[in-house]
Amino acid sequence: MRTSGSPGGRIPQFLEVRHRGHATVEDHTRCGKTTGFGRFPSRHFAVNAVWLELSLTAIDLLDWKRVLLLDGEPATAEPMKLRYRLLHVAARLTHGGRRLRLRLRLRISATWPWRNELATAFHRIAALPRPAG
């Protein structure tokens, strides 16, 4: 029988920490299932293996987007909320007419409720250092 003073005992603080860690794992699993690895498209193993790799890549890209580009409420948003607020944006890519250097601009509608968060994310990605090589 375990004593209450041991690390695996029934101390409420220990149980709370263990539960929070498990809840985080369950949240990541739930988000992963909504991103695609919860629904395999085929009965063939090879097709499902590729689907799983693409789903896991999408999850990694969303996590890096949260870490590097977002802050506040969008940084903790579920994948579906990110999809409809930031990834499926009604915007237009334009470029300057007679400039020697081609510069693309993203024209976001002034009525889009999350335009500031998206603009901040684009400014942060532009400020990231270029990869070496």
Protein backbone atom coordinates (compact mmCIF):
# COMPACT_ATOMS: atom_id res chain seq x y z
CA MET A 1 0.00 0.00 0.00
CA ARG A 2 1.33 3.43 -0.91
CA THR A 3 1.72 6.15 1.64
CA SER A 4 0.33 9.61 1.02
CA GLY A 5 3.83 11.11 1.12
CA SER A 6 5.20 9.08 -1.80
CA PRO A 7 5.29 10.57 -5.34
CA GLY A 8 2.66 8.11 -6.53
CA GLY A 9 0.43 8.61 -3.52
CA ARG A 10 -2.97 10.18 -3.38
CA ILE A 11 -1.79 13.74 -2.80
CA PRO A 12 -4.30 16.07 -4.52
CA GLN A 13 -1.56 18.21 -6.10
CA PHE A 14 0.10 15.15 -7.66
CA LEU A 15 -3.23 13.90 -9.02
CA GLU A 16 -4.00 17.35 -10.45
CA VAL A 17 -0.65 17.53 -12.29
CA ARG A 18 -1.08 14.00 -13.63
CA HIS A 19 -4.62 14.77 -14.80
CA ARG A 20 -3.56 18.02 -16.54
CA GLY A 21 -0.81 16.20 -18.40
CA HIS A 22 -3.24 13.55 -19.56
CA ALA A 23 -5.82 16.19 -20.57
CA THR A 24 -3.18 17.88 -22.75
CA VAL A 25 -2.49 14.59 -24.53
CA GLU A 26 -6.22 14.05 -25.06
CA ASP A 27 -6.59 17.60 -26.46
CA HIS A 28 -3.78 16.99 -28.97
CA THR A 29 -5.32 13.66 -29.99
CA ARG A 30 -8.73 15.29 -30.49
CA CYS A 31 -7.20 18.10 -32.57
CA GLY A 32 -5.28 15.54 -34.61
CA LYS A 33 -8.45 13.63 -35.37
CA THR A 34 -10.15 16.78 -36.65
CA THR A 35 -7.10 17.49 -38.80
CA GLY A 36 -7.37 14.20 -40.65
CA PHE A 37 -5.83 11.21 -38.95
CA GLY A 38 -9.19 10.19 -37.54
CA ARG A 39 -10.62 9.33 -40.97
CA PHE A 40 -8.68 7.10 -43.31
CA PRO A 41 -9.84 7.34 -46.93
CA SER A 42 -9.11 3.81 -48.18
CA ARG A 43 -9.00 0.15 -47.33
CA HIS A 44 -5.46 -0.09 -48.69
CA PHE A 45 -2.64 0.21 -46.20
CA ALA A 46 -0.31 2.18 -48.49
CA VAL A 47 -2.91 4.88 -49.18
CA ASN A 48 -3.74 5.19 -45.49
CA ALA A 49 -0.03 5.37 -44.61
CA VAL A 50 0.41 8.35 -46.94
CA TRP A 51 -2.76 9.93 -45.55
CA LEU A 52 -1.43 9.55 -42.01
CA GLU A 53 1.91 11.17 -42.94
CA LEU A 54 0.14 14.11 -44.58
CA SER A 55 -2.18 14.51 -41.58
CA LEU A 56 0.74 14.51 -39.16
CA THR A 57 2.54 17.06 -41.36
CA ALA A 58 -0.54 19.28 -41.26
CA ILE A 59 -0.65 19.01 -37.46
CA ASP A 60 3.03 19.98 -37.24
CA LEU A 61 2.49 22.97 -39.55
CA LEU A 62 -0.45 24.16 -37.46
CA ASP A 63 1.57 23.82 -34.26
CA TRP A 64 4.52 25.76 -35.71
CA LYS A 65 2.11 28.40 -36.97
CA ARG A 66 0.74 28.77 -33.45
CA VAL A 67 4.21 29.01 -31.91
CA LEU A 68 5.86 31.32 -34.42
CA LEU A 69 3.10 33.48 -35.88
CA LEU A 70 0.14 33.74 -33.52
CA ASP A 71 -0.48 35.04 -30.04
CA GLY A 72 -3.45 35.46 -27.77
CA GLU A 73 -6.68 33.63 -28.54
CA PRO A 74 -5.71 32.40 -32.05
CA ALA A 75 -2.60 30.71 -30.63
CA THR A 76 -4.78 28.39 -28.55
CA ALA A 77 -7.61 27.96 -31.06
CA GLU A 78 -8.80 24.60 -32.32
CA PRO A 79 -7.83 23.60 -35.88
CA MET A 80 -11.36 24.14 -37.19
CA LYS A 81 -11.46 27.67 -35.80
CA LEU A 82 -8.05 28.44 -37.31
CA ARG A 83 -9.20 26.98 -40.60
CA TYR A 84 -12.23 29.25 -40.89
CA ARG A 85 -10.65 32.38 -39.44
CA LEU A 86 -7.14 32.42 -40.87
CA LEU A 87 -6.63 29.71 -43.48
CA HIS A 88 -9.80 30.17 -45.57
CA VAL A 89 -9.53 33.92 -45.99
CA ALA A 90 -11.27 35.83 -48.73
CA ALA A 91 -8.29 37.86 -49.94
CA ARG A 92 -6.49 38.70 -53.16
CA LEU A 93 -2.81 38.52 -54.00
CA THR A 94 -1.70 41.59 -55.97
CA HIS A 95 1.62 43.02 -57.07
CA GLY A 96 2.93 46.45 -57.93
CA GLY A 97 2.55 47.36 -61.58
CA ARG A 98 5.86 48.77 -62.86
CA ARG A 99 8.32 47.99 -60.16
CA LEU A 100 11.59 46.32 -60.99
CA ARG A 101 11.33 44.08 -57.97
CA LEU A 102 8.23 41.94 -57.76
CA ARG A 103 6.49 42.40 -54.41
CA LEU A 104 3.32 40.52 -53.69
CA ARG A 105 0.71 42.08 -51.45
CA LEU A 106 -2.18 40.41 -49.74
CA ARG A 107 -5.37 42.47 -50.01
CA ILE A 108 -7.70 41.51 -47.18
CA SER A 109 -11.23 42.83 -47.06
CA ALA A 110 -11.69 45.65 -44.54
CA THR A 111 -14.75 43.86 -43.15
CA TRP A 112 -12.91 40.60 -42.37
CA PRO A 113 -13.10 40.31 -38.55
CA TRP A 114 -9.68 38.66 -38.15
CA ARG A 115 -7.68 40.78 -40.62
CA ASN A 116 -5.40 42.17 -37.90
CA GLU A 117 -4.42 38.70 -36.66
CA LEU A 118 -3.72 37.55 -40.22
CA ALA A 119 -1.70 40.68 -41.04
CA THR A 120 0.33 40.24 -37.85
CA ALA A 121 1.03 36.60 -38.79
CA PHE A 122 2.24 37.65 -42.26
CA HIS A 123 4.50 40.34 -40.78
CA ARG A 124 5.97 37.81 -38.36
CA ILE A 125 6.63 35.26 -41.08
CA ALA A 126 8.34 37.94 -43.18
CA ALA A 127 10.54 38.84 -40.19
CA LEU A 128 11.74 35.25 -39.68
CA PRO A 129 15.37 34.70 -40.68
CA ARG A 130 15.95 32.98 -44.00
CA PRO A 131 17.20 29.39 -43.83
CA ALA A 132 20.90 28.96 -44.47
CA GLY A 133 21.94 27.31 -47.68
